[in-house]
Amino acid sequence: MATKRRARTTKQRTDVERRVQHRLRELRQASGRTVEGVSEAAELSWDALQNIELGKRTPTINSLVKLAHALGTTAADLIAEPEPVVSAEVRALTRLLDGQTPKVRRAVVKLAHLFVATVAEGE
């Protein structure tokens, strides 16, 4: 006897599902397009896209590819974890340490930890 599969609640959504729903909304809003406009371009119903963005529905792979194409991106981009934001200061420090020995890099990291701890204590 076949068992009936219950739909997952929003709380049970996976990280990937949440990332997709947020990324879809983010890209759609950034492009200034409506749910209706994107869903029409993706050949989906507007309520399907709305339910995906609200986390009430998980898109099929086919729908994901259509939505990505409608938004000018790839399905992989919709699924991918966001790149960490790195400040200009961290990039500059990384470039500075690139040519240094491991011993120097470790010393600078220890110094940075001490500095951060000291500043945090003073706040």
PDB file of N, CA and C in Angstrom:
ATOM      1  N   MET A   1       0.836  -1.170   0.000  1.00  0.00           N
ATOM      2  CA  MET A   1       0.000   0.000   0.000  1.00  0.00           C
ATOM      3  C   MET A   1       0.882   1.235   0.000  1.00  0.00           C
ATOM      4  N   ALA A   2       0.603   2.142  -0.883  1.00  0.00           N
ATOM      5  CA  ALA A   2       1.402   3.369  -0.995  1.00  0.00           C
ATOM      6  C   ALA A   2       1.047   4.318   0.142  1.00  0.00           C
ATOM      7  N   THR A   3       2.086   4.923   0.714  1.00  0.00           N
ATOM      8  CA  THR A   3       1.843   5.896   1.779  1.00  0.00           C
ATOM      9  C   THR A   3       1.772   7.275   1.176  1.00  0.00           C
ATOM     10  N   LYS A   4       0.938   8.098   1.758  1.00  0.00           N
ATOM     11  CA  LYS A   4       0.790   9.467   1.280  1.00  0.00           C
ATOM     12  C   LYS A   4       1.918  10.319   1.842  1.00  0.00           C
ATOM     13  N   ARG A   5       2.604  11.015   0.970  1.00  0.00           N
ATOM     14  CA  ARG A   5       3.716  11.868   1.395  1.00  0.00           C
ATOM     15  C   ARG A   5       3.170  13.220   1.808  1.00  0.00           C
ATOM     16  N   ARG A   6       3.512  13.646   3.005  1.00  0.00           N
ATOM     17  CA  ARG A   6       3.036  14.924   3.516  1.00  0.00           C
ATOM     18  C   ARG A   6       3.954  16.044   3.072  1.00  0.00           C
ATOM     19  N   ALA A   7       3.362  17.165   2.750  1.00  0.00           N
ATOM     20  CA  ALA A   7       4.152  18.344   2.370  1.00  0.00           C
ATOM     21  C   ALA A   7       4.905  18.850   3.587  1.00  0.00           C
ATOM     22  N   ARG A   8       6.116  19.309   3.360  1.00  0.00           N
ATOM     23  CA  ARG A   8       6.909  19.868   4.449  1.00  0.00           C
ATOM     24  C   ARG A   8       6.428  21.269   4.775  1.00  0.00           C
ATOM     25  N   THR A   9       6.570  21.629   6.025  1.00  0.00           N
ATOM     26  CA  THR A   9       6.228  22.985   6.429  1.00  0.00           C
ATOM     27  C   THR A   9       7.419  23.890   6.157  1.00  0.00           C
ATOM     28  N   THR A  10       7.199  25.191   6.261  1.00  0.00           N
ATOM     29  CA  THR A  10       8.277  26.170   6.038  1.00  0.00           C
ATOM     30  C   THR A  10       9.441  25.897   6.964  1.00  0.00           C
ATOM     31  N   LYS A  11       9.166  25.477   8.195  1.00  0.00           N
ATOM     32  CA  LYS A  11      10.236  25.217   9.159  1.00  0.00           C
ATOM     33  C   LYS A  11      11.121  24.061   8.717  1.00  0.00           C
ATOM     34  N   GLN A  12      10.582  23.172   7.888  1.00  0.00           N
ATOM     35  CA  GLN A  12      11.334  21.998   7.465  1.00  0.00           C
ATOM     36  C   GLN A  12      12.087  22.221   6.152  1.00  0.00           C
ATOM     37  N   ARG A  13      12.012  23.395   5.596  1.00  0.00           N
ATOM     38  CA  ARG A  13      12.706  23.690   4.343  1.00  0.00           C
ATOM     39  C   ARG A  13      14.212  23.554   4.542  1.00  0.00           C
ATOM     40  N   THR A  14      14.883  23.112   3.495  1.00  0.00           N
ATOM     41  CA  THR A  14      16.335  22.984   3.568  1.00  0.00           C
ATOM     42  C   THR A  14      16.988  24.336   3.307  1.00  0.00           C
ATOM     43  N   ASP A  15      18.258  24.416   3.614  1.00  0.00           N
ATOM     44  CA  ASP A  15      19.009  25.640   3.350  1.00  0.00           C
ATOM     45  C   ASP A  15      18.981  25.990   1.859  1.00  0.00           C
ATOM     46  N   VAL A  16      19.080  24.977   1.007  1.00  0.00           N
ATOM     47  CA  VAL A  16      19.080  25.216  -0.435  1.00  0.00           C
ATOM     48  C   VAL A  16      17.733  25.776  -0.872  1.00  0.00           C
ATOM     49  N   GLU A  17      16.655  25.225  -0.364  1.00  0.00           N
ATOM     50  CA  GLU A  17      15.326  25.728  -0.728  1.00  0.00           C
ATOM     51  C   GLU A  17      15.155  27.183  -0.291  1.00  0.00           C
ATOM     52  N   ARG A  18      15.600  27.494   0.910  1.00  0.00           N
ATOM     53  CA  ARG A  18      15.505  28.881   1.399  1.00  0.00           C
ATOM     54  C   ARG A  18      16.375  29.808   0.555  1.00  0.00           C
ATOM     55  N   ARG A  19      17.572  29.340   0.196  1.00  0.00           N
ATOM     56  CA  ARG A  19      18.468  30.153  -0.616  1.00  0.00           C
ATOM     57  C   ARG A  19      17.838  30.444  -1.975  1.00  0.00           C
ATOM     58  N   VAL A  20      17.219  29.431  -2.590  1.00  0.00           N
ATOM     59  CA  VAL A  20      16.585  29.602  -3.893  1.00  0.00           C
ATOM     60  C   VAL A  20      15.443  30.604  -3.793  1.00  0.00           C
ATOM     61  N   GLN A  21      14.589  30.453  -2.790  1.00  0.00           N
ATOM     62  CA  GLN A  21      13.449  31.364  -2.685  1.00  0.00           C
ATOM     63  C   GLN A  21      13.905  32.808  -2.472  1.00  0.00           C
ATOM     64  N   HIS A  22      14.921  33.009  -1.635  1.00  0.00           N
ATOM     65  CA  HIS A  22      15.419  34.367  -1.394  1.00  0.00           C
ATOM     66  C   HIS A  22      16.136  34.926  -2.623  1.00  0.00           C
ATOM     67  N   ARG A  23      16.910  34.078  -3.285  1.00  0.00           N
ATOM     68  CA  ARG A  23      17.658  34.533  -4.466  1.00  0.00           C
ATOM     69  C   ARG A  23      16.706  34.912  -5.603  1.00  0.00           C
ATOM     70  N   LEU A  24      15.649  34.118  -5.793  1.00  0.00           N
ATOM     71  CA  LEU A  24      14.663  34.440  -6.823  1.00  0.00           C
ATOM     72  C   LEU A  24      14.041  35.811  -6.566  1.00  0.00           C
ATOM     73  N   ARG A  25      13.598  36.019  -5.340  1.00  0.00           N
ATOM     74  CA  ARG A  25      12.966  37.298  -5.003  1.00  0.00           C
ATOM     75  C   ARG A  25      13.967  38.447  -5.159  1.00  0.00           C
ATOM     76  N   GLU A  26      15.195  38.222  -4.680  1.00  0.00           N
ATOM     77  CA  GLU A  26      16.221  39.256  -4.754  1.00  0.00           C
ATOM     78  C   GLU A  26      16.490  39.668  -6.206  1.00  0.00           C
ATOM     79  N   LEU A  27      16.670  38.690  -7.085  1.00  0.00           N
ATOM     80  CA  LEU A  27      16.950  38.986  -8.493  1.00  0.00           C
ATOM     81  C   LEU A  27      15.752  39.636  -9.174  1.00  0.00           C
ATOM     82  N   ARG A  28      14.562  39.142  -8.865  1.00  0.00           N
ATOM     83  CA  ARG A  28      13.356  39.711  -9.469  1.00  0.00           C
ATOM     84  C   ARG A  28      13.188  41.175  -9.063  1.00  0.00           C
ATOM     85  N   GLN A  29      13.315  41.443  -7.771  1.00  0.00           N
ATOM     86  CA  GLN A  29      13.145  42.811  -7.287  1.00  0.00           C
ATOM     87  C   GLN A  29      14.251  43.726  -7.804  1.00  0.00           C
ATOM     88  N   ALA A  30      15.488  43.231  -7.855  1.00  0.00           N
ATOM     89  CA  ALA A  30      16.604  44.032  -8.349  1.00  0.00           C
ATOM     90  C   ALA A  30      16.402  44.420  -9.814  1.00  0.00           C
ATOM     91  N   SER A  31      15.713  43.566 -10.559  1.00  0.00           N
ATOM     92  CA  SER A  31      15.467  43.860 -11.972  1.00  0.00           C
ATOM     93  C   SER A  31      14.236  44.752 -12.160  1.00  0.00           C
ATOM     94  N   GLY A  32      13.521  45.011 -11.055  1.00  0.00           N
ATOM     95  CA  GLY A  32      12.338  45.862 -11.125  1.00  0.00           C
ATOM     96  C   GLY A  32      11.138  45.184 -11.753  1.00  0.00           C
ATOM     97  N   ARG A  33      11.168  43.873 -11.816  1.00  0.00           N
ATOM     98  CA  ARG A  33      10.089  43.131 -12.462  1.00  0.00           C
ATOM     99  C   ARG A  33       9.086  42.607 -11.441  1.00  0.00           C
ATOM    100  N   THR A  34       7.883  42.389 -11.901  1.00  0.00           N
ATOM    101  CA  THR A  34       6.829  41.865 -11.038  1.00  0.00           C
ATOM    102  C   THR A  34       6.832  40.345 -11.073  1.00  0.00           C
ATOM    103  N   VAL A  35       6.118  39.751 -10.124  1.00  0.00           N
ATOM    104  CA  VAL A  35       5.938  38.298 -10.119  1.00  0.00           C
ATOM    105  C   VAL A  35       5.293  37.872 -11.438  1.00  0.00           C
ATOM    106  N   GLU A  36       4.303  38.636 -11.865  1.00  0.00           N
ATOM    107  CA  GLU A  36       3.597  38.316 -13.111  1.00  0.00           C
ATOM    108  C   GLU A  36       4.538  38.352 -14.312  1.00  0.00           C
ATOM    109  N   GLY A  37       5.400  39.379 -14.375  1.00  0.00           N
ATOM    110  CA  GLY A  37       6.318  39.516 -15.502  1.00  0.00           C
ATOM    111  C   GLY A  37       7.320  38.384 -15.594  1.00  0.00           C
ATOM    112  N   VAL A  38       7.901  38.030 -14.467  1.00  0.00           N
ATOM    113  CA  VAL A  38       8.898  36.944 -14.462  1.00  0.00           C
ATOM    114  C   VAL A  38       8.227  35.606 -14.715  1.00  0.00           C
ATOM    115  N   SER A  39       7.076  35.386 -14.102  1.00  0.00           N
ATOM    116  CA  SER A  39       6.405  34.092 -14.289  1.00  0.00           C
ATOM    117  C   SER A  39       5.974  33.912 -15.749  1.00  0.00           C
ATOM    118  N   GLU A  40       5.541  34.998 -16.383  1.00  0.00           N
ATOM    119  CA  GLU A  40       5.162  34.914 -17.798  1.00  0.00           C
ATOM    120  C   GLU A  40       6.378  34.566 -18.653  1.00  0.00           C
ATOM    121  N   ALA A  41       7.516  35.218 -18.391  1.00  0.00           N
ATOM    122  CA  ALA A  41       8.738  34.940 -19.149  1.00  0.00           C
ATOM    123  C   ALA A  41       9.235  33.513 -18.918  1.00  0.00           C
ATOM    124  N   ALA A  42       8.950  32.974 -17.729  1.00  0.00           N
ATOM    125  CA  ALA A  42       9.384  31.610 -17.395  1.00  0.00           C
ATOM    126  C   ALA A  42       8.338  30.564 -17.760  1.00  0.00           C
ATOM    127  N   GLU A  43       7.204  31.026 -18.296  1.00  0.00           N
ATOM    128  CA  GLU A  43       6.098  30.145 -18.664  1.00  0.00           C
ATOM    129  C   GLU A  43       5.574  29.357 -17.469  1.00  0.00           C
ATOM    130  N   LEU A  44       5.449  30.073 -16.340  1.00  0.00           N
ATOM    131  CA  LEU A  44       4.867  29.497 -15.123  1.00  0.00           C
ATOM    132  C   LEU A  44       3.710  30.383 -14.707  1.00  0.00           C
ATOM    133  N   SER A  45       2.828  29.842 -13.891  1.00  0.00           N
ATOM    134  CA  SER A  45       1.749  30.685 -13.380  1.00  0.00           C
ATOM    135  C   SER A  45       2.314  31.630 -12.333  1.00  0.00           C
ATOM    136  N   TRP A  46       1.699  32.802 -12.206  1.00  0.00           N
ATOM    137  CA  TRP A  46       2.192  33.793 -11.244  1.00  0.00           C
ATOM    138  C   TRP A  46       2.095  33.261  -9.828  1.00  0.00           C
ATOM    139  N   ASP A  47       1.032  32.479  -9.520  1.00  0.00           N
ATOM    140  CA  ASP A  47       0.897  31.967  -8.163  1.00  0.00           C
ATOM    141  C   ASP A  47       1.952  30.903  -7.859  1.00  0.00           C
ATOM    142  N   ALA A  48       2.437  30.204  -8.893  1.00  0.00           N
ATOM    143  CA  ALA A  48       3.521  29.237  -8.671  1.00  0.00           C
ATOM    144  C   ALA A  48       4.786  29.964  -8.217  1.00  0.00           C
ATOM    145  N   LEU A  49       5.139  31.045  -8.930  1.00  0.00           N
ATOM    146  CA  LEU A  49       6.326  31.812  -8.545  1.00  0.00           C
ATOM    147  C   LEU A  49       6.137  32.458  -7.182  1.00  0.00           C
ATOM    148  N   GLN A  50       4.971  32.999  -6.941  1.00  0.00           N
ATOM    149  CA  GLN A  50       4.701  33.615  -5.647  1.00  0.00           C
ATOM    150  C   GLN A  50       4.859  32.591  -4.513  1.00  0.00           C
ATOM    151  N   ASN A  51       4.332  31.393  -4.715  1.00  0.00           N
ATOM    152  CA  ASN A  51       4.447  30.353  -3.686  1.00  0.00           C
ATOM    153  C   ASN A  51       5.894  29.876  -3.512  1.00  0.00           C
ATOM    154  N   ILE A  52       6.667  29.888  -4.576  1.00  0.00           N
ATOM    155  CA  ILE A  52       8.093  29.532  -4.473  1.00  0.00           C
ATOM    156  C   ILE A  52       8.815  30.593  -3.654  1.00  0.00           C
ATOM    157  N   GLU A  53       8.579  31.868  -3.970  1.00  0.00           N
ATOM    158  CA  GLU A  53       9.226  32.956  -3.234  1.00  0.00           C
ATOM    159  C   GLU A  53       8.821  32.971  -1.763  1.00  0.00           C
ATOM    160  N   LEU A  54       7.604  32.569  -1.467  1.00  0.00           N
ATOM    161  CA  LEU A  54       7.118  32.553  -0.083  1.00  0.00           C
ATOM    162  C   LEU A  54       7.521  31.277   0.661  1.00  0.00           C
ATOM    163  N   GLY A  55       8.146  30.340  -0.051  1.00  0.00           N
ATOM    164  CA  GLY A  55       8.577  29.100   0.590  1.00  0.00           C
ATOM    165  C   GLY A  55       7.458  28.090   0.773  1.00  0.00           C
ATOM    166  N   LYS A  56       6.357  28.290   0.069  1.00  0.00           N
ATOM    167  CA  LYS A  56       5.226  27.364   0.171  1.00  0.00           C
ATOM    168  C   LYS A  56       5.313  26.239  -0.853  1.00  0.00           C
ATOM    169  N   ARG A  57       6.232  26.406  -1.794  1.00  0.00           N
ATOM    170  CA  ARG A  57       6.374  25.433  -2.873  1.00  0.00           C
ATOM    171  C   ARG A  57       7.845  25.349  -3.259  1.00  0.00           C
ATOM    172  N   THR A  58       8.290  24.162  -3.614  1.00  0.00           N
ATOM    173  CA  THR A  58       9.660  23.967  -4.077  1.00  0.00           C
ATOM    174  C   THR A  58       9.628  23.796  -5.592  1.00  0.00           C
ATOM    175  N   PRO A  59      10.433  24.564  -6.332  1.00  0.00           N
ATOM    176  CA  PRO A  59      10.386  24.444  -7.793  1.00  0.00           C
ATOM    177  C   PRO A  59      10.988  23.125  -8.274  1.00  0.00           C
ATOM    178  N   THR A  60      10.444  22.621  -9.367  1.00  0.00           N
ATOM    179  CA  THR A  60      11.061  21.464 -10.013  1.00  0.00           C
ATOM    180  C   THR A  60      12.350  21.948 -10.676  1.00  0.00           C
ATOM    181  N   ILE A  61      13.170  21.035 -11.090  1.00  0.00           N
ATOM    182  CA  ILE A  61      14.406  21.411 -11.775  1.00  0.00           C
ATOM    183  C   ILE A  61      14.069  22.165 -13.056  1.00  0.00           C
ATOM    184  N   ASN A  62      13.057  21.706 -13.777  1.00  0.00           N
ATOM    185  CA  ASN A  62      12.648  22.367 -15.012  1.00  0.00           C
ATOM    186  C   ASN A  62      12.202  23.804 -14.736  1.00  0.00           C
ATOM    187  N   SER A  63      11.392  23.999 -13.683  1.00  0.00           N
ATOM    188  CA  SER A  63      10.935  25.349 -13.325  1.00  0.00           C
ATOM    189  C   SER A  63      12.105  26.221 -12.904  1.00  0.00           C
ATOM    190  N   LEU A  64      13.050  25.648 -12.175  1.00  0.00           N
ATOM    191  CA  LEU A  64      14.218  26.396 -11.720  1.00  0.00           C
ATOM    192  C   LEU A  64      15.032  26.911 -12.910  1.00  0.00           C
ATOM    193  N   VAL A  65      15.219  26.059 -13.903  1.00  0.00           N
ATOM    194  CA  VAL A  65      15.963  26.444 -15.103  1.00  0.00           C
ATOM    195  C   VAL A  65      15.207  27.539 -15.856  1.00  0.00           C
ATOM    196  N   LYS A  66      13.885  27.405 -15.986  1.00  0.00           N
ATOM    197  CA  LYS A  66      13.086  28.424 -16.671  1.00  0.00           C
ATOM    198  C   LYS A  66      13.144  29.763 -15.935  1.00  0.00           C
ATOM    199  N   LEU A  67      13.033  29.722 -14.616  1.00  0.00           N
ATOM    200  CA  LEU A  67      13.093  30.958 -13.827  1.00  0.00           C
ATOM    201  C   LEU A  67      14.466  31.610 -13.939  1.00  0.00           C
ATOM    202  N   ALA A  68      15.506  30.806 -13.863  1.00  0.00           N
ATOM    203  CA  ALA A  68      16.862  31.350 -13.993  1.00  0.00           C
ATOM    204  C   ALA A  68      17.029  32.033 -15.342  1.00  0.00           C
ATOM    205  N   HIS A  69      16.568  31.387 -16.403  1.00  0.00           N
ATOM    206  CA  HIS A  69      16.676  31.965 -17.743  1.00  0.00           C
ATOM    207  C   HIS A  69      15.886  33.273 -17.824  1.00  0.00           C
ATOM    208  N   ALA A  70      14.693  33.293 -17.247  1.00  0.00           N
ATOM    209  CA  ALA A  70      13.860  34.500 -17.267  1.00  0.00           C
ATOM    210  C   ALA A  70      14.529  35.653 -16.515  1.00  0.00           C
ATOM    211  N   LEU A  71      15.354  35.321 -15.522  1.00  0.00           N
ATOM    212  CA  LEU A  71      16.033  36.345 -14.721  1.00  0.00           C
ATOM    213  C   LEU A  71      17.458  36.629 -15.217  1.00  0.00           C
ATOM    214  N   GLY A  72      17.846  35.979 -16.304  1.00  0.00           N
ATOM    215  CA  GLY A  72      19.164  36.240 -16.890  1.00  0.00           C
ATOM    216  C   GLY A  72      20.313  35.646 -16.113  1.00  0.00           C
ATOM    217  N   THR A  73      20.076  34.506 -15.474  1.00  0.00           N
ATOM    218  CA  THR A  73      21.132  33.852 -14.705  1.00  0.00           C
ATOM    219  C   THR A  73      21.047  32.347 -14.947  1.00  0.00           C
ATOM    220  N   THR A  74      21.755  31.588 -14.139  1.00  0.00           N
ATOM    221  CA  THR A  74      21.735  30.133 -14.270  1.00  0.00           C
ATOM    222  C   THR A  74      21.098  29.503 -13.040  1.00  0.00           C
ATOM    223  N   ALA A  75      20.644  28.271 -13.201  1.00  0.00           N
ATOM    224  CA  ALA A  75      20.091  27.545 -12.058  1.00  0.00           C
ATOM    225  C   ALA A  75      21.168  27.368 -10.989  1.00  0.00           C
ATOM    226  N   ALA A  76      22.403  27.171 -11.413  1.00  0.00           N
ATOM    227  CA  ALA A  76      23.510  27.018 -10.458  1.00  0.00           C
ATOM    228  C   ALA A  76      23.664  28.266  -9.599  1.00  0.00           C
ATOM    229  N   ASP A  77      23.479  29.440 -10.206  1.00  0.00           N
ATOM    230  CA  ASP A  77      23.579  30.694  -9.460  1.00  0.00           C
ATOM    231  C   ASP A  77      22.464  30.797  -8.416  1.00  0.00           C
ATOM    232  N   LEU A  78      21.289  30.294  -8.746  1.00  0.00           N
ATOM    233  CA  LEU A  78      20.174  30.334  -7.794  1.00  0.00           C
ATOM    234  C   LEU A  78      20.408  29.420  -6.605  1.00  0.00           C
ATOM    235  N   ILE A  79      21.142  28.347  -6.821  1.00  0.00           N
ATOM    236  CA  ILE A  79      21.375  27.343  -5.777  1.00  0.00           C
ATOM    237  C   ILE A  79      22.632  27.631  -4.961  1.00  0.00           C
ATOM    238  N   ALA A  80      23.615  28.268  -5.587  1.00  0.00           N
ATOM    239  CA  ALA A  80      24.933  28.451  -4.970  1.00  0.00           C
ATOM    240  C   ALA A  80      24.873  29.245  -3.668  1.00  0.00           C
ATOM    241  N   GLU A  81      25.773  28.885  -2.762  1.00  0.00           N
ATOM    242  CA  GLU A  81      25.911  29.651  -1.523  1.00  0.00           C
ATOM    243  C   GLU A  81      26.527  31.000  -1.871  1.00  0.00           C
ATOM    244  N   PRO A  82      26.091  32.058  -1.195  1.00  0.00           N
ATOM    245  CA  PRO A  82      26.652  33.371  -1.497  1.00  0.00           C
ATOM    246  C   PRO A  82      28.130  33.446  -1.121  1.00  0.00           C
ATOM    247  N   GLU A  83      28.851  34.221  -1.897  1.00  0.00           N
ATOM    248  CA  GLU A  83      30.271  34.437  -1.600  1.00  0.00           C
ATOM    249  C   GLU A  83      30.382  35.295  -0.344  1.00  0.00           C
ATOM    250  N   PRO A  84      31.342  34.976   0.517  1.00  0.00           N
ATOM    251  CA  PRO A  84      31.502  35.801   1.711  1.00  0.00           C
ATOM    252  C   PRO A  84      31.960  37.209   1.333  1.00  0.00           C
ATOM    253  N   VAL A  85      31.466  38.171   2.056  1.00  0.00           N
ATOM    254  CA  VAL A  85      31.848  39.556   1.813  1.00  0.00           C
ATOM    255  C   VAL A  85      33.174  39.812   2.524  1.00  0.00           C
ATOM    256  N   VAL A  86      34.155  40.280   1.769  1.00  0.00           N
ATOM    257  CA  VAL A  86      35.477  40.546   2.320  1.00  0.00           C
ATOM    258  C   VAL A  86      35.742  42.042   2.188  1.00  0.00           C
ATOM    259  N   SER A  87      36.127  42.640   3.290  1.00  0.00           N
ATOM    260  CA  SER A  87      36.369  44.087   3.276  1.00  0.00           C
ATOM    261  C   SER A  87      37.664  44.409   2.527  1.00  0.00           C
ATOM    262  N   ALA A  88      37.783  45.655   2.148  1.00  0.00           N
ATOM    263  CA  ALA A  88      38.992  46.124   1.458  1.00  0.00           C
ATOM    264  C   ALA A  88      40.219  45.962   2.350  1.00  0.00           C
ATOM    265  N   GLU A  89      40.028  46.156   3.657  1.00  0.00           N
ATOM    266  CA  GLU A  89      41.145  46.022   4.594  1.00  0.00           C
ATOM    267  C   GLU A  89      41.676  44.593   4.636  1.00  0.00           C
ATOM    268  N   VAL A  90      40.733  43.627   4.645  1.00  0.00           N
ATOM    269  CA  VAL A  90      41.139  42.214   4.685  1.00  0.00           C
ATOM    270  C   VAL A  90      41.842  41.833   3.388  1.00  0.00           C
ATOM    271  N   ARG A  91      41.328  42.314   2.253  1.00  0.00           N
ATOM    272  CA  ARG A  91      41.997  42.033   0.973  1.00  0.00           C
ATOM    273  C   ARG A  91      43.406  42.629   0.953  1.00  0.00           C
ATOM    274  N   ALA A  92      43.558  43.848   1.478  1.00  0.00           N
ATOM    275  CA  ALA A  92      44.877  44.489   1.512  1.00  0.00           C
ATOM    276  C   ALA A  92      45.830  43.701   2.408  1.00  0.00           C
ATOM    277  N   LEU A  93      45.348  43.266   3.557  1.00  0.00           N
ATOM    278  CA  LEU A  93      46.184  42.479   4.467  1.00  0.00           C
ATOM    279  C   LEU A  93      46.562  41.141   3.834  1.00  0.00           C
ATOM    280  N   THR A  94      45.634  40.529   3.127  1.00  0.00           N
ATOM    281  CA  THR A  94      45.917  39.259   2.453  1.00  0.00           C
ATOM    282  C   THR A  94      47.014  39.434   1.408  1.00  0.00           C
ATOM    283  N   ARG A  95      46.919  40.514   0.616  1.00  0.00           N
ATOM    284  CA  ARG A  95      47.960  40.783  -0.389  1.00  0.00           C
ATOM    285  C   ARG A  95      49.313  41.015   0.286  1.00  0.00           C
ATOM    286  N   LEU A  96      49.298  41.728   1.406  1.00  0.00           N
ATOM    287  CA  LEU A  96      50.527  42.026   2.132  1.00  0.00           C
ATOM    288  C   LEU A  96      51.186  40.743   2.650  1.00  0.00           C
ATOM    289  N   LEU A  97      50.363  39.798   3.099  1.00  0.00           N
ATOM    290  CA  LEU A  97      50.893  38.564   3.680  1.00  0.00           C
ATOM    291  C   LEU A  97      51.228  37.490   2.647  1.00  0.00           C
ATOM    292  N   ASP A  98      50.793  37.675   1.405  1.00  0.00           N
ATOM    293  CA  ASP A  98      51.020  36.659   0.373  1.00  0.00           C
ATOM    294  C   ASP A  98      52.477  36.245   0.237  1.00  0.00           C
ATOM    295  N   GLY A  99      53.402  37.164   0.291  1.00  0.00           N
ATOM    296  CA  GLY A  99      54.807  36.830   0.092  1.00  0.00           C
ATOM    297  C   GLY A  99      55.545  36.463   1.373  1.00  0.00           C
ATOM    298  N   GLN A 100      54.854  36.416   2.493  1.00  0.00           N
ATOM    299  CA  GLN A 100      55.508  36.167   3.785  1.00  0.00           C
ATOM    300  C   GLN A 100      55.586  34.677   4.105  1.00  0.00           C
ATOM    301  N   THR A 101      56.465  34.360   5.023  1.00  0.00           N
ATOM    302  CA  THR A 101      56.616  32.974   5.456  1.00  0.00           C
ATOM    303  C   THR A 101      55.444  32.586   6.356  1.00  0.00           C
ATOM    304  N   PRO A 102      55.193  31.280   6.516  1.00  0.00           N
ATOM    305  CA  PRO A 102      54.116  30.839   7.409  1.00  0.00           C
ATOM    306  C   PRO A 102      54.286  31.374   8.837  1.00  0.00           C
ATOM    307  N   LYS A 103      55.536  31.475   9.291  1.00  0.00           N
ATOM    308  CA  LYS A 103      55.792  31.969  10.644  1.00  0.00           C
ATOM    309  C   LYS A 103      55.342  33.425  10.776  1.00  0.00           C
ATOM    310  N   VAL A 104      55.643  34.249   9.789  1.00  0.00           N
ATOM    311  CA  VAL A 104      55.232  35.651   9.815  1.00  0.00           C
ATOM    312  C   VAL A 104      53.709  35.751   9.747  1.00  0.00           C
ATOM    313  N   ARG A 105      53.083  34.935   8.877  1.00  0.00           N
ATOM    314  CA  ARG A 105      51.613  34.974   8.765  1.00  0.00           C
ATOM    315  C   ARG A 105      50.951  34.605  10.090  1.00  0.00           C
ATOM    316  N   ARG A 106      51.462  33.572  10.762  1.00  0.00           N
ATOM    317  CA  ARG A 106      50.909  33.173  12.066  1.00  0.00           C
ATOM    318  C   ARG A 106      51.068  34.281  13.093  1.00  0.00           C
ATOM    319  N   ALA A 107      52.222  34.947  13.085  1.00  0.00           N
ATOM    320  CA  ALA A 107      52.464  36.035  14.036  1.00  0.00           C
ATOM    321  C   ALA A 107      51.502  37.197  13.796  1.00  0.00           C
ATOM    322  N   VAL A 108      51.259  37.519  12.545  1.00  0.00           N
ATOM    323  CA  VAL A 108      50.338  38.615  12.225  1.00  0.00           C
ATOM    324  C   VAL A 108      48.911  38.244  12.643  1.00  0.00           C
ATOM    325  N   VAL A 109      48.517  37.003  12.438  1.00  0.00           N
ATOM    326  CA  VAL A 109      47.179  36.560  12.844  1.00  0.00           C
ATOM    327  C   VAL A 109      47.036  36.648  14.364  1.00  0.00           C
ATOM    328  N   LYS A 110      48.058  36.209  15.108  1.00  0.00           N
ATOM    329  CA  LYS A 110      48.013  36.320  16.574  1.00  0.00           C
ATOM    330  C   LYS A 110      47.904  37.777  17.004  1.00  0.00           C
ATOM    331  N   LEU A 111      48.681  38.632  16.368  1.00  0.00           N
ATOM    332  CA  LEU A 111      48.649  40.054  16.674  1.00  0.00           C
ATOM    333  C   LEU A 111      47.257  40.641  16.391  1.00  0.00           C
ATOM    334  N   ALA A 112      46.660  40.240  15.283  1.00  0.00           N
ATOM    335  CA  ALA A 112      45.319  40.725  14.939  1.00  0.00           C
ATOM    336  C   ALA A 112      44.303  40.271  15.980  1.00  0.00           C
ATOM    337  N   HIS A 113      44.402  39.024  16.429  1.00  0.00           N
ATOM    338  CA  HIS A 113      43.493  38.518  17.469  1.00  0.00           C
ATOM    339  C   HIS A 113      43.651  39.323  18.761  1.00  0.00           C
ATOM    340  N   LEU A 114      44.889  39.587  19.155  1.00  0.00           N
ATOM    341  CA  LEU A 114      45.129  40.378  20.362  1.00  0.00           C
ATOM    342  C   LEU A 114      44.565  41.788  20.221  1.00  0.00           C
ATOM    343  N   PHE A 115      44.764  42.373  19.066  1.00  0.00           N
ATOM    344  CA  PHE A 115      44.264  43.727  18.818  1.00  0.00           C
ATOM    345  C   PHE A 115      42.740  43.775  18.917  1.00  0.00           C
ATOM    346  N   VAL A 116      42.070  42.823  18.277  1.00  0.00           N
ATOM    347  CA  VAL A 116      40.605  42.782  18.299  1.00  0.00           C
ATOM    348  C   VAL A 116      40.105  42.582  19.724  1.00  0.00           C
ATOM    349  N   ALA A 117      40.745  41.686  20.468  1.00  0.00           N
ATOM    350  CA  ALA A 117      40.332  41.436  21.860  1.00  0.00           C
ATOM    351  C   ALA A 117      40.518  42.694  22.716  1.00  0.00           C
ATOM    352  N   THR A 118      41.619  43.388  22.510  1.00  0.00           N
ATOM    353  CA  THR A 118      41.884  44.612  23.279  1.00  0.00           C
ATOM    354  C   THR A 118      40.863  45.705  22.960  1.00  0.00           C
ATOM    355  N   VAL A 119      40.558  45.864  21.690  1.00  0.00           N
ATOM    356  CA  VAL A 119      39.570  46.871  21.278  1.00  0.00           C
ATOM    357  C   VAL A 119      38.195  46.495  21.827  1.00  0.00           C
ATOM    358  N   ALA A 120      37.852  45.222  21.773  1.00  0.00           N
ATOM    359  CA  ALA A 120      36.542  44.769  22.264  1.00  0.00           C
ATOM    360  C   ALA A 120      36.400  45.009  23.764  1.00  0.00           C
ATOM    361  N   GLU A 121      37.482  44.851  24.519  1.00  0.00           N
ATOM    362  CA  GLU A 121      37.446  45.090  25.959  1.00  0.00           C
ATOM    363  C   GLU A 121      37.209  46.562  26.279  1.00  0.00           C
ATOM    364  N   GLY A 122      37.737  47.436  25.438  1.00  0.00           N
ATOM    365  CA  GLY A 122      37.604  48.872  25.654  1.00  0.00           C
ATOM    366  C   GLY A 122      36.241  49.436  25.310  1.00  0.00           C
ATOM    367  N   GLU A 123      35.410  48.660  24.613  1.00  0.00           N
ATOM    368  CA  GLU A 123      34.087  49.176  24.203  1.00  0.00           C
ATOM    369  C   GLU A 123      33.079  49.103  25.313  1.00  0.00           C
TER     370      GLU A 123
END
